[in-house]
PDB file of N, CA and C in Angstrom:
ATOM      1  N   MET A   1      -4.367  21.033  12.396  1.00  0.00           N
ATOM      2  CA  MET A   1      -3.416  20.194  13.098  1.00  0.00           C
ATOM      3  C   MET A   1      -4.111  18.937  13.620  1.00  0.00           C
ATOM      4  N   SER A   2      -3.365  17.874  13.709  1.00  0.00           N
ATOM      5  CA  SER A   2      -3.905  16.591  14.132  1.00  0.00           C
ATOM      6  C   SER A   2      -3.808  16.425  15.647  1.00  0.00           C
ATOM      7  N   LYS A   3      -4.953  16.396  16.321  1.00  0.00           N
ATOM      8  CA  LYS A   3      -4.947  16.173  17.765  1.00  0.00           C
ATOM      9  C   LYS A   3      -4.522  14.751  18.093  1.00  0.00           C
ATOM     10  N   ILE A   4      -4.932  13.806  17.245  1.00  0.00           N
ATOM     11  CA  ILE A   4      -4.618  12.407  17.524  1.00  0.00           C
ATOM     12  C   ILE A   4      -3.112  12.175  17.554  1.00  0.00           C
ATOM     13  N   LEU A   5      -2.364  12.828  16.676  1.00  0.00           N
ATOM     14  CA  LEU A   5      -0.910  12.688  16.672  1.00  0.00           C
ATOM     15  C   LEU A   5      -0.341  13.139  18.012  1.00  0.00           C
ATOM     16  N   GLY A   6      -0.734  14.298  18.485  1.00  0.00           N
ATOM     17  CA  GLY A   6      -0.238  14.806  19.759  1.00  0.00           C
ATOM     18  C   GLY A   6      -0.585  13.898  20.923  1.00  0.00           C
ATOM     19  N   ILE A   7      -1.815  13.410  20.933  1.00  0.00           N
ATOM     20  CA  ILE A   7      -2.253  12.516  22.012  1.00  0.00           C
ATOM     21  C   ILE A   7      -1.431  11.235  21.996  1.00  0.00           C
ATOM     22  N   ARG A   8      -1.263  10.672  20.815  1.00  0.00           N
ATOM     23  CA  ARG A   8      -0.511   9.419  20.720  1.00  0.00           C
ATOM     24  C   ARG A   8       0.955   9.613  21.076  1.00  0.00           C
ATOM     25  N   LEU A   9       1.548  10.735  20.677  1.00  0.00           N
ATOM     26  CA  LEU A   9       2.936  11.002  21.053  1.00  0.00           C
ATOM     27  C   LEU A   9       3.076  11.097  22.566  1.00  0.00           C
ATOM     28  N   LYS A  10       2.153  11.784  23.197  1.00  0.00           N
ATOM     29  CA  LYS A  10       2.228  11.959  24.650  1.00  0.00           C
ATOM     30  C   LYS A  10       2.055  10.628  25.378  1.00  0.00           C
ATOM     31  N   VAL A  11       1.069   9.858  24.972  1.00  0.00           N
ATOM     32  CA  VAL A  11       0.821   8.581  25.634  1.00  0.00           C
ATOM     33  C   VAL A  11       1.997   7.624  25.424  1.00  0.00           C
ATOM     34  N   LEU A  12       2.512   7.546  24.201  1.00  0.00           N
ATOM     35  CA  LEU A  12       3.652   6.677  23.927  1.00  0.00           C
ATOM     36  C   LEU A  12       4.882   7.108  24.727  1.00  0.00           C
ATOM     37  N   ARG A  13       5.107   8.422  24.800  1.00  0.00           N
ATOM     38  CA  ARG A  13       6.261   8.929  25.562  1.00  0.00           C
ATOM     39  C   ARG A  13       6.121   8.570  27.042  1.00  0.00           C
ATOM     40  N   GLU A  14       4.923   8.762  27.581  1.00  0.00           N
ATOM     41  CA  GLU A  14       4.712   8.462  29.000  1.00  0.00           C
ATOM     42  C   GLU A  14       4.814   6.966  29.277  1.00  0.00           C
ATOM     43  N   GLN A  15       4.420   6.138  28.319  1.00  0.00           N
ATOM     44  CA  GLN A  15       4.588   4.692  28.500  1.00  0.00           C
ATOM     45  C   GLN A  15       6.059   4.325  28.611  1.00  0.00           C
ATOM     46  N   LYS A  16       6.909   5.042  27.905  1.00  0.00           N
ATOM     47  CA  LYS A  16       8.351   4.796  27.978  1.00  0.00           C
ATOM     48  C   LYS A  16       8.980   5.516  29.180  1.00  0.00           C
ATOM     49  N   GLN A  17       8.168   6.265  29.892  1.00  0.00           N
ATOM     50  CA  GLN A  17       8.610   7.034  31.064  1.00  0.00           C
ATOM     51  C   GLN A  17       9.768   7.964  30.723  1.00  0.00           C
ATOM     52  N   LEU A  18       9.564   8.702  29.628  1.00  0.00           N
ATOM     53  CA  LEU A  18      10.560   9.672  29.175  1.00  0.00           C
ATOM     54  C   LEU A  18       9.988  11.080  29.275  1.00  0.00           C
ATOM     55  N   SER A  19      10.852  12.037  29.483  1.00  0.00           N
ATOM     56  CA  SER A  19      10.430  13.440  29.458  1.00  0.00           C
ATOM     57  C   SER A  19      10.408  13.914  28.009  1.00  0.00           C
ATOM     58  N   LYS A  20       9.710  15.023  27.791  1.00  0.00           N
ATOM     59  CA  LYS A  20       9.713  15.613  26.454  1.00  0.00           C
ATOM     60  C   LYS A  20      11.133  15.987  26.057  1.00  0.00           C
ATOM     61  N   ALA A  21      11.898  16.511  27.005  1.00  0.00           N
ATOM     62  CA  ALA A  21      13.275  16.922  26.727  1.00  0.00           C
ATOM     63  C   ALA A  21      14.134  15.732  26.305  1.00  0.00           C
ATOM     64  N   GLU A  22      13.940  14.577  26.954  1.00  0.00           N
ATOM     65  CA  GLU A  22      14.712  13.391  26.604  1.00  0.00           C
ATOM     66  C   GLU A  22      14.375  12.911  25.191  1.00  0.00           C
ATOM     67  N   VAL A  23      13.096  12.893  24.853  1.00  0.00           N
ATOM     68  CA  VAL A  23      12.703  12.475  23.504  1.00  0.00           C
ATOM     69  C   VAL A  23      13.268  13.458  22.481  1.00  0.00           C
ATOM     70  N   ALA A  24      13.147  14.748  22.761  1.00  0.00           N
ATOM     71  CA  ALA A  24      13.674  15.764  21.840  1.00  0.00           C
ATOM     72  C   ALA A  24      15.167  15.563  21.621  1.00  0.00           C
ATOM     73  N   ARG A  25      15.887  15.305  22.696  1.00  0.00           N
ATOM     74  CA  ARG A  25      17.341  15.087  22.593  1.00  0.00           C
ATOM     75  C   ARG A  25      17.633  13.859  21.732  1.00  0.00           C
ATOM     76  N   ARG A  26      16.916  12.762  21.986  1.00  0.00           N
ATOM     77  CA  ARG A  26      17.158  11.522  21.230  1.00  0.00           C
ATOM     78  C   ARG A  26      16.813  11.663  19.747  1.00  0.00           C
ATOM     79  N   LEU A  27      15.842  12.516  19.447  1.00  0.00           N
ATOM     80  CA  LEU A  27      15.445  12.722  18.052  1.00  0.00           C
ATOM     81  C   LEU A  27      16.200  13.875  17.406  1.00  0.00           C
ATOM     82  N   ASP A  28      17.040  14.546  18.201  1.00  0.00           N
ATOM     83  CA  ASP A  28      17.834  15.670  17.725  1.00  0.00           C
ATOM     84  C   ASP A  28      16.958  16.820  17.218  1.00  0.00           C
ATOM     85  N   VAL A  29      15.948  17.173  18.033  1.00  0.00           N
ATOM     86  CA  VAL A  29      15.095  18.330  17.758  1.00  0.00           C
ATOM     87  C   VAL A  29      15.026  19.177  19.020  1.00  0.00           C
ATOM     88  N   GLY A  30      14.572  20.396  18.883  1.00  0.00           N
ATOM     89  CA  GLY A  30      14.453  21.277  20.034  1.00  0.00           C
ATOM     90  C   GLY A  30      13.318  20.856  20.958  1.00  0.00           C
ATOM     91  N   ASN A  31      13.459  21.189  22.239  1.00  0.00           N
ATOM     92  CA  ASN A  31      12.418  20.884  23.224  1.00  0.00           C
ATOM     93  C   ASN A  31      11.085  21.508  22.836  1.00  0.00           C
ATOM     94  N   THR A  32      11.118  22.758  22.411  1.00  0.00           N
ATOM     95  CA  THR A  32       9.889  23.452  22.033  1.00  0.00           C
ATOM     96  C   THR A  32       9.248  22.799  20.828  1.00  0.00           C
ATOM     97  N   THR A  33      10.061  22.385  19.887  1.00  0.00           N
ATOM     98  CA  THR A  33       9.542  21.719  18.691  1.00  0.00           C
ATOM     99  C   THR A  33       8.779  20.462  19.078  1.00  0.00           C
ATOM    100  N   TYR A  34       9.397  19.611  19.898  1.00  0.00           N
ATOM    101  CA  TYR A  34       8.728  18.377  20.301  1.00  0.00           C
ATOM    102  C   TYR A  34       7.458  18.678  21.107  1.00  0.00           C
ATOM    103  N   SER A  35       7.551  19.613  22.017  1.00  0.00           N
ATOM    104  CA  SER A  35       6.375  19.985  22.820  1.00  0.00           C
ATOM    105  C   SER A  35       5.228  20.446  21.929  1.00  0.00           C
ATOM    106  N   ASN A  36       5.537  21.234  20.919  1.00  0.00           N
ATOM    107  CA  ASN A  36       4.499  21.712  20.004  1.00  0.00           C
ATOM    108  C   ASN A  36       3.822  20.572  19.254  1.00  0.00           C
ATOM    109  N   TRP A  37       4.567  19.508  18.967  1.00  0.00           N
ATOM    110  CA  TRP A  37       3.947  18.343  18.319  1.00  0.00           C
ATOM    111  C   TRP A  37       2.954  17.690  19.268  1.00  0.00           C
ATOM    112  N   GLU A  38       3.354  17.522  20.533  1.00  0.00           N
ATOM    113  CA  GLU A  38       2.450  16.902  21.512  1.00  0.00           C
ATOM    114  C   GLU A  38       1.219  17.767  21.772  1.00  0.00           C
ATOM    115  N   TYR A  39       1.408  19.071  21.811  1.00  0.00           N
ATOM    116  CA  TYR A  39       0.279  19.974  22.064  1.00  0.00           C
ATOM    117  C   TYR A  39      -0.607  20.156  20.839  1.00  0.00           C
ATOM    118  N   GLY A  40      -0.174  19.625  19.703  1.00  0.00           N
ATOM    119  CA  GLY A  40      -0.955  19.757  18.482  1.00  0.00           C
ATOM    120  C   GLY A  40      -0.860  21.130  17.847  1.00  0.00           C
ATOM    121  N   LEU A  41       0.168  21.890  18.207  1.00  0.00           N
ATOM    122  CA  LEU A  41       0.345  23.233  17.658  1.00  0.00           C
ATOM    123  C   LEU A  41       1.075  23.215  16.323  1.00  0.00           C
ATOM    124  N   ARG A  42       1.880  22.184  16.120  1.00  0.00           N
ATOM    125  CA  ARG A  42       2.629  22.016  14.871  1.00  0.00           C
ATOM    126  C   ARG A  42       2.677  20.533  14.544  1.00  0.00           C
ATOM    127  N   GLU A  43       2.906  20.237  13.266  1.00  0.00           N
ATOM    128  CA  GLU A  43       3.058  18.849  12.857  1.00  0.00           C
ATOM    129  C   GLU A  43       4.453  18.643  12.294  1.00  0.00           C
ATOM    130  N   PRO A  44       5.050  17.509  12.617  1.00  0.00           N
ATOM    131  CA  PRO A  44       6.368  17.210  12.045  1.00  0.00           C
ATOM    132  C   PRO A  44       6.249  16.897  10.557  1.00  0.00           C
ATOM    133  N   ASN A  45       7.356  17.056   9.837  1.00  0.00           N
ATOM    134  CA  ASN A  45       7.348  16.707   8.414  1.00  0.00           C
ATOM    135  C   ASN A  45       7.342  15.186   8.255  1.00  0.00           C
ATOM    136  N   ALA A  46       7.193  14.723   7.031  1.00  0.00           N
ATOM    137  CA  ALA A  46       7.055  13.289   6.754  1.00  0.00           C
ATOM    138  C   ALA A  46       8.263  12.485   7.243  1.00  0.00           C
ATOM    139  N   ASP A  47       9.467  13.000   7.025  1.00  0.00           N
ATOM    140  CA  ASP A  47      10.668  12.285   7.472  1.00  0.00           C
ATOM    141  C   ASP A  47      10.694  12.142   8.988  1.00  0.00           C
ATOM    142  N   THR A  48      10.275  13.184   9.676  1.00  0.00           N
ATOM    143  CA  THR A  48      10.276  13.154  11.134  1.00  0.00           C
ATOM    144  C   THR A  48       9.187  12.223  11.663  1.00  0.00           C
ATOM    145  N   ILE A  49       8.063  12.147  10.982  1.00  0.00           N
ATOM    146  CA  ILE A  49       7.015  11.210  11.393  1.00  0.00           C
ATOM    147  C   ILE A  49       7.547   9.776  11.317  1.00  0.00           C
ATOM    148  N   VAL A  50       8.340   9.487  10.299  1.00  0.00           N
ATOM    149  CA  VAL A  50       8.961   8.161  10.185  1.00  0.00           C
ATOM    150  C   VAL A  50       9.917   7.938  11.360  1.00  0.00           C
ATOM    151  N   LYS A  51      10.722   8.956  11.701  1.00  0.00           N
ATOM    152  CA  LYS A  51      11.635   8.842  12.844  1.00  0.00           C
ATOM    153  C   LYS A  51      10.871   8.602  14.143  1.00  0.00           C
ATOM    154  N   LEU A  52       9.755   9.327  14.319  1.00  0.00           N
ATOM    155  CA  LEU A  52       8.934   9.154  15.520  1.00  0.00           C
ATOM    156  C   LEU A  52       8.343   7.744  15.580  1.00  0.00           C
ATOM    157  N   ALA A  53       7.848   7.265  14.457  1.00  0.00           N
ATOM    158  CA  ALA A  53       7.258   5.920  14.403  1.00  0.00           C
ATOM    159  C   ALA A  53       8.312   4.870  14.755  1.00  0.00           C
ATOM    160  N   ASN A  54       9.504   5.019  14.210  1.00  0.00           N
ATOM    161  CA  ASN A  54      10.588   4.083  14.527  1.00  0.00           C
ATOM    162  C   ASN A  54      10.981   4.169  15.989  1.00  0.00           C
ATOM    163  N   PHE A  55      11.055   5.375  16.511  1.00  0.00           N
ATOM    164  CA  PHE A  55      11.433   5.572  17.916  1.00  0.00           C
ATOM    165  C   PHE A  55      10.438   4.888  18.850  1.00  0.00           C
ATOM    166  N   TYR A  56       9.145   5.049  18.561  1.00  0.00           N
ATOM    167  CA  TYR A  56       8.102   4.482  19.421  1.00  0.00           C
ATOM    168  C   TYR A  56       7.675   3.076  18.996  1.00  0.00           C
ATOM    169  N   ASN A  57       8.278   2.568  17.917  1.00  0.00           N
ATOM    170  CA  ASN A  57       7.979   1.223  17.429  1.00  0.00           C
ATOM    171  C   ASN A  57       6.497   1.037  17.080  1.00  0.00           C
ATOM    172  N   VAL A  58       5.957   2.012  16.356  1.00  0.00           N
ATOM    173  CA  VAL A  58       4.584   1.965  15.850  1.00  0.00           C
ATOM    174  C   VAL A  58       4.624   2.344  14.378  1.00  0.00           C
ATOM    175  N   SER A  59       3.505   2.188  13.700  1.00  0.00           N
ATOM    176  CA  SER A  59       3.459   2.573  12.284  1.00  0.00           C
ATOM    177  C   SER A  59       3.186   4.077  12.159  1.00  0.00           C
ATOM    178  N   THR A  60       3.572   4.624  11.017  1.00  0.00           N
ATOM    179  CA  THR A  60       3.246   6.032  10.759  1.00  0.00           C
ATOM    180  C   THR A  60       1.734   6.206  10.663  1.00  0.00           C
ATOM    181  N   ASP A  61       1.046   5.220  10.102  1.00  0.00           N
ATOM    182  CA  ASP A  61      -0.416   5.283  10.036  1.00  0.00           C
ATOM    183  C   ASP A  61      -1.021   5.371  11.431  1.00  0.00           C
ATOM    184  N   TYR A  62      -0.474   4.605  12.359  1.00  0.00           N
ATOM    185  CA  TYR A  62      -0.972   4.659  13.741  1.00  0.00           C
ATOM    186  C   TYR A  62      -0.777   6.061  14.321  1.00  0.00           C
ATOM    187  N   LEU A  63       0.426   6.618  14.170  1.00  0.00           N
ATOM    188  CA  LEU A  63       0.688   7.954  14.712  1.00  0.00           C
ATOM    189  C   LEU A  63      -0.275   8.991  14.157  1.00  0.00           C
ATOM    190  N   LEU A  64      -0.578   8.871  12.873  1.00  0.00           N
ATOM    191  CA  LEU A  64      -1.426   9.862  12.209  1.00  0.00           C
ATOM    192  C   LEU A  64      -2.922   9.574  12.357  1.00  0.00           C
ATOM    193  N   GLY A  65      -3.256   8.464  13.020  1.00  0.00           N
ATOM    194  CA  GLY A  65      -4.659   8.151  13.240  1.00  0.00           C
ATOM    195  C   GLY A  65      -5.330   7.449  12.079  1.00  0.00           C
ATOM    196  N   HIS A  66      -4.539   6.924  11.131  1.00  0.00           N
ATOM    197  CA  HIS A  66      -5.099   6.240   9.966  1.00  0.00           C
ATOM    198  C   HIS A  66      -5.230   4.742  10.179  1.00  0.00           C
ATOM    199  N   ASP A  67      -4.671   4.246  11.258  1.00  0.00           N
ATOM    200  CA  ASP A  67      -4.637   2.813  11.494  1.00  0.00           C
ATOM    201  C   ASP A  67      -5.019   2.540  12.932  1.00  0.00           C
ATOM    202  N   SER A  68      -5.978   1.702  13.139  1.00  0.00           N
ATOM    203  CA  SER A  68      -6.331   1.342  14.511  1.00  0.00           C
ATOM    204  C   SER A  68      -5.733  -0.027  14.804  1.00  0.00           C
ATOM    205  N   ASN A  69      -4.464  -0.011  15.176  1.00  0.00           N
ATOM    206  CA  ASN A  69      -3.799  -1.283  15.456  1.00  0.00           C
ATOM    207  C   ASN A  69      -4.105  -1.746  16.877  1.00  0.00           C
ATOM    208  N   ASP A  70      -3.492  -2.809  17.302  1.00  0.00           N
ATOM    209  CA  ASP A  70      -3.784  -3.394  18.601  1.00  0.00           C
ATOM    210  C   ASP A  70      -3.526  -2.445  19.758  1.00  0.00           C
ATOM    211  N   GLN A  71      -2.644  -1.474  19.583  1.00  0.00           N
ATOM    212  CA  GLN A  71      -2.360  -0.557  20.680  1.00  0.00           C
ATOM    213  C   GLN A  71      -3.565   0.292  21.036  1.00  0.00           C
ATOM    214  N   ASP A  72      -4.488   0.512  20.101  1.00  0.00           N
ATOM    215  CA  ASP A  72      -5.668   1.291  20.422  1.00  0.00           C
ATOM    216  C   ASP A  72      -6.434   0.673  21.581  1.00  0.00           C
ATOM    217  N   ASN A  73      -6.470  -0.655  21.652  1.00  0.00           N
ATOM    218  CA  ASN A  73      -7.180  -1.307  22.743  1.00  0.00           C
ATOM    219  C   ASN A  73      -6.530  -0.993  24.087  1.00  0.00           C
ATOM    220  N   GLU A  74      -5.222  -0.874  24.106  1.00  0.00           N
ATOM    221  CA  GLU A  74      -4.512  -0.572  25.336  1.00  0.00           C
ATOM    222  C   GLU A  74      -4.570   0.912  25.682  1.00  0.00           C
ATOM    223  N   LEU A  75      -4.693   1.768  24.696  1.00  0.00           N
ATOM    224  CA  LEU A  75      -4.585   3.199  24.919  1.00  0.00           C
ATOM    225  C   LEU A  75      -5.934   3.910  24.988  1.00  0.00           C
ATOM    226  N   THR A  76      -7.008   3.219  24.801  1.00  0.00           N
ATOM    227  CA  THR A  76      -8.297   3.890  24.686  1.00  0.00           C
ATOM    228  C   THR A  76      -8.601   4.775  25.887  1.00  0.00           C
ATOM    229  N   VAL A  77      -8.501   4.238  27.090  1.00  0.00           N
ATOM    230  CA  VAL A  77      -8.814   5.021  28.282  1.00  0.00           C
ATOM    231  C   VAL A  77      -7.812   6.158  28.450  1.00  0.00           C
ATOM    232  N   GLU A  78      -6.527   5.855  28.303  1.00  0.00           N
ATOM    233  CA  GLU A  78      -5.511   6.895  28.450  1.00  0.00           C
ATOM    234  C   GLU A  78      -5.673   7.985  27.397  1.00  0.00           C
ATOM    235  N   ALA A  79      -5.851   7.571  26.149  1.00  0.00           N
ATOM    236  CA  ALA A  79      -5.997   8.554  25.075  1.00  0.00           C
ATOM    237  C   ALA A  79      -7.223   9.421  25.293  1.00  0.00           C
ATOM    238  N   ALA A  80      -8.312   8.816  25.748  1.00  0.00           N
ATOM    239  CA  ALA A  80      -9.525   9.589  26.009  1.00  0.00           C
ATOM    240  C   ALA A  80      -9.278  10.620  27.107  1.00  0.00           C
ATOM    241  N   ILE A  81      -8.653  10.201  28.178  1.00  0.00           N
ATOM    242  CA  ILE A  81      -8.382  11.131  29.283  1.00  0.00           C
ATOM    243  C   ILE A  81      -7.404  12.214  28.838  1.00  0.00           C
ATOM    244  N   MET A  82      -6.372  11.846  28.065  1.00  0.00           N
ATOM    245  CA  MET A  82      -5.392  12.831  27.628  1.00  0.00           C
ATOM    246  C   MET A  82      -6.001  13.853  26.666  1.00  0.00           C
ATOM    247  N   SER A  83      -7.091  13.486  26.017  1.00  0.00           N
ATOM    248  CA  SER A  83      -7.722  14.421  25.081  1.00  0.00           C
ATOM    249  C   SER A  83      -8.621  15.433  25.784  1.00  0.00           C
ATOM    250  N   ILE A  84      -8.924  15.200  27.053  1.00  0.00           N
ATOM    251  CA  ILE A  84      -9.765  16.127  27.806  1.00  0.00           C
ATOM    252  C   ILE A  84      -8.902  17.306  28.256  1.00  0.00           C
ATOM    253  N   LYS A  85      -9.252  18.482  27.814  1.00  0.00           N
ATOM    254  CA  LYS A  85      -8.465  19.671  28.148  1.00  0.00           C
ATOM    255  C   LYS A  85      -9.188  20.597  29.122  1.00  0.00           C
ATOM    256  N   GLN A  86     -10.519  20.475  29.201  1.00  0.00           N
ATOM    257  CA  GLN A  86     -11.301  21.350  30.081  1.00  0.00           C
ATOM    258  C   GLN A  86     -12.450  20.578  30.697  1.00  0.00           C
ATOM    259  N   TYR A  87     -12.904  21.058  31.855  1.00  0.00           N
ATOM    260  CA  TYR A  87     -14.125  20.568  32.471  1.00  0.00           C
ATOM    261  C   TYR A  87     -14.833  21.774  33.076  1.00  0.00           C
ATOM    262  N   ASN A  88     -16.079  21.956  32.701  1.00  0.00           N
ATOM    263  CA  ASN A  88     -16.856  23.118  33.162  1.00  0.00           C
ATOM    264  C   ASN A  88     -16.109  24.432  32.931  1.00  0.00           C
ATOM    265  N   GLY A  89     -15.431  24.534  31.792  1.00  0.00           N
ATOM    266  CA  GLY A  89     -14.741  25.762  31.421  1.00  0.00           C
ATOM    267  C   GLY A  89     -13.399  25.970  32.095  1.00  0.00           C
ATOM    268  N   LYS A  90     -12.949  25.006  32.904  1.00  0.00           N
ATOM    269  CA  LYS A  90     -11.663  25.135  33.599  1.00  0.00           C
ATOM    270  C   LYS A  90     -10.654  24.162  33.004  1.00  0.00           C
ATOM    271  N   GLN A  91      -9.407  24.652  32.855  1.00  0.00           N
ATOM    272  CA  GLN A  91      -8.326  23.827  32.315  1.00  0.00           C
ATOM    273  C   GLN A  91      -8.093  22.614  33.202  1.00  0.00           C
ATOM    274  N   ILE A  92      -7.797  21.490  32.583  1.00  0.00           N
ATOM    275  CA  ILE A  92      -7.389  20.295  33.308  1.00  0.00           C
ATOM    276  C   ILE A  92      -5.877  20.185  33.150  1.00  0.00           C
ATOM    277  N   SER A  93      -5.183  20.145  34.268  1.00  0.00           N
ATOM    278  CA  SER A  93      -3.718  20.109  34.237  1.00  0.00           C
ATOM    279  C   SER A  93      -3.212  18.721  33.862  1.00  0.00           C
ATOM    280  N   ASP A  94      -1.940  18.661  33.497  1.00  0.00           N
ATOM    281  CA  ASP A  94      -1.310  17.369  33.204  1.00  0.00           C
ATOM    282  C   ASP A  94      -1.377  16.463  34.428  1.00  0.00           C
ATOM    283  N   GLN A  95      -1.188  17.046  35.605  1.00  0.00           N
ATOM    284  CA  GLN A  95      -1.244  16.253  36.837  1.00  0.00           C
ATOM    285  C   GLN A  95      -2.651  15.704  37.060  1.00  0.00           C
ATOM    286  N   ASP A  96      -3.686  16.513  36.778  1.00  0.00           N
ATOM    287  CA  ASP A  96      -5.066  16.028  36.897  1.00  0.00           C
ATOM    288  C   ASP A  96      -5.319  14.877  35.935  1.00  0.00           C
ATOM    289  N   GLN A  97      -4.787  14.982  34.713  1.00  0.00           N
ATOM    290  CA  GLN A  97      -4.952  13.908  33.733  1.00  0.00           C
ATOM    291  C   GLN A  97      -4.283  12.627  34.227  1.00  0.00           C
ATOM    292  N   LYS A  98      -3.086  12.750  34.784  1.00  0.00           N
ATOM    293  CA  LYS A  98      -2.383  11.583  35.299  1.00  0.00           C
ATOM    294  C   LYS A  98      -3.152  10.953  36.463  1.00  0.00           C
ATOM    295  N   THR A  99      -3.734  11.794  37.312  1.00  0.00           N
ATOM    296  CA  THR A  99      -4.532  11.289  38.424  1.00  0.00           C
ATOM    297  C   THR A  99      -5.752  10.536  37.921  1.00  0.00           C
ATOM    298  N   LEU A 100      -6.421  11.083  36.915  1.00  0.00           N
ATOM    299  CA  LEU A 100      -7.589  10.414  36.348  1.00  0.00           C
ATOM    300  C   LEU A 100      -7.202   9.080  35.708  1.00  0.00           C
ATOM    301  N   ILE A 101      -6.063   9.031  35.035  1.00  0.00           N
ATOM    302  CA  ILE A 101      -5.589   7.774  34.449  1.00  0.00           C
ATOM    303  C   ILE A 101      -5.307   6.756  35.548  1.00  0.00           C
ATOM    304  N   PHE A 102      -4.665   7.199  36.618  1.00  0.00           N
ATOM    305  CA  PHE A 102      -4.371   6.318  37.755  1.00  0.00           C
ATOM    306  C   PHE A 102      -5.661   5.754  38.340  1.00  0.00           C
ATOM    307  N   ILE A 103      -6.660   6.606  38.509  1.00  0.00           N
ATOM    308  CA  ILE A 103      -7.954   6.175  39.061  1.00  0.00           C
ATOM    309  C   ILE A 103      -8.623   5.171  38.124  1.00  0.00           C
ATOM    310  N   ALA A 104      -8.606   5.463  36.834  1.00  0.00           N
ATOM    311  CA  ALA A 104      -9.230   4.565  35.864  1.00  0.00           C
ATOM    312  C   ALA A 104      -8.538   3.207  35.862  1.00  0.00           C
ATOM    313  N   LYS A 105      -7.207   3.204  35.879  1.00  0.00           N
ATOM    314  CA  LYS A 105      -6.466   1.940  35.898  1.00  0.00           C
ATOM    315  C   LYS A 105      -6.784   1.147  37.166  1.00  0.00           C
ATOM    316  N   ALA A 106      -6.791   1.827  38.307  1.00  0.00           N
ATOM    317  CA  ALA A 106      -7.101   1.149  39.566  1.00  0.00           C
ATOM    318  C   ALA A 106      -8.510   0.557  39.531  1.00  0.00           C
ATOM    319  N   TYR A 107      -9.443   1.309  38.995  1.00  0.00           N
ATOM    320  CA  TYR A 107     -10.818   0.829  38.909  1.00  0.00           C
ATOM    321  C   TYR A 107     -10.908  -0.416  38.031  1.00  0.00           C
ATOM    322  N   PHE A 108     -10.344  -0.352  36.830  1.00  0.00           N
ATOM    323  CA  PHE A 108     -10.454  -1.467  35.898  1.00  0.00           C
ATOM    324  C   PHE A 108      -9.621  -2.668  36.345  1.00  0.00           C
ATOM    325  N   ASN A 109      -8.513  -2.438  37.023  1.00  0.00           N
ATOM    326  CA  ASN A 109      -7.695  -3.549  37.524  1.00  0.00           C
ATOM    327  C   ASN A 109      -8.361  -4.269  38.681  1.00  0.00           C
ATOM    328  N   SER A 110      -9.268  -3.597  39.364  1.00  0.00           N
ATOM    329  CA  SER A 110      -9.943  -4.221  40.507  1.00  0.00           C
ATOM    330  C   SER A 110     -11.137  -5.070  40.087  1.00  0.00           C
ATOM    331  N   LYS A 111     -11.502  -5.008  38.817  1.00  0.00           N
ATOM    332  CA  LYS A 111     -12.668  -5.778  38.338  1.00  0.00           C
ATOM    333  C   LYS A 111     -12.304  -7.205  38.067  1.00  0.00           C
TER     334      LYS A 111
END
């Protein structure tokens, strides 16, 4: 399974300030199905990848990690933090990831 796809879906969704349930509803898929894509447990089929790319206004290559377009420059810190799942053997929660992103943004914005 592609971790980059899940990371990019999550970051793009959060940039739009949408819940997983809202995206699933708009794409006409089940909540669990969409969640599994973000968690990297399952991959959508080719037609659905096109729908996701259109929904998020990115290329399919970008979603699949084959293209490093300009958004990579904006998402590097967020994507890196979102890819961290553990520290010292302990799970990092979604809230911890959001806190780390907030701290990183505050730090870099103050420079």
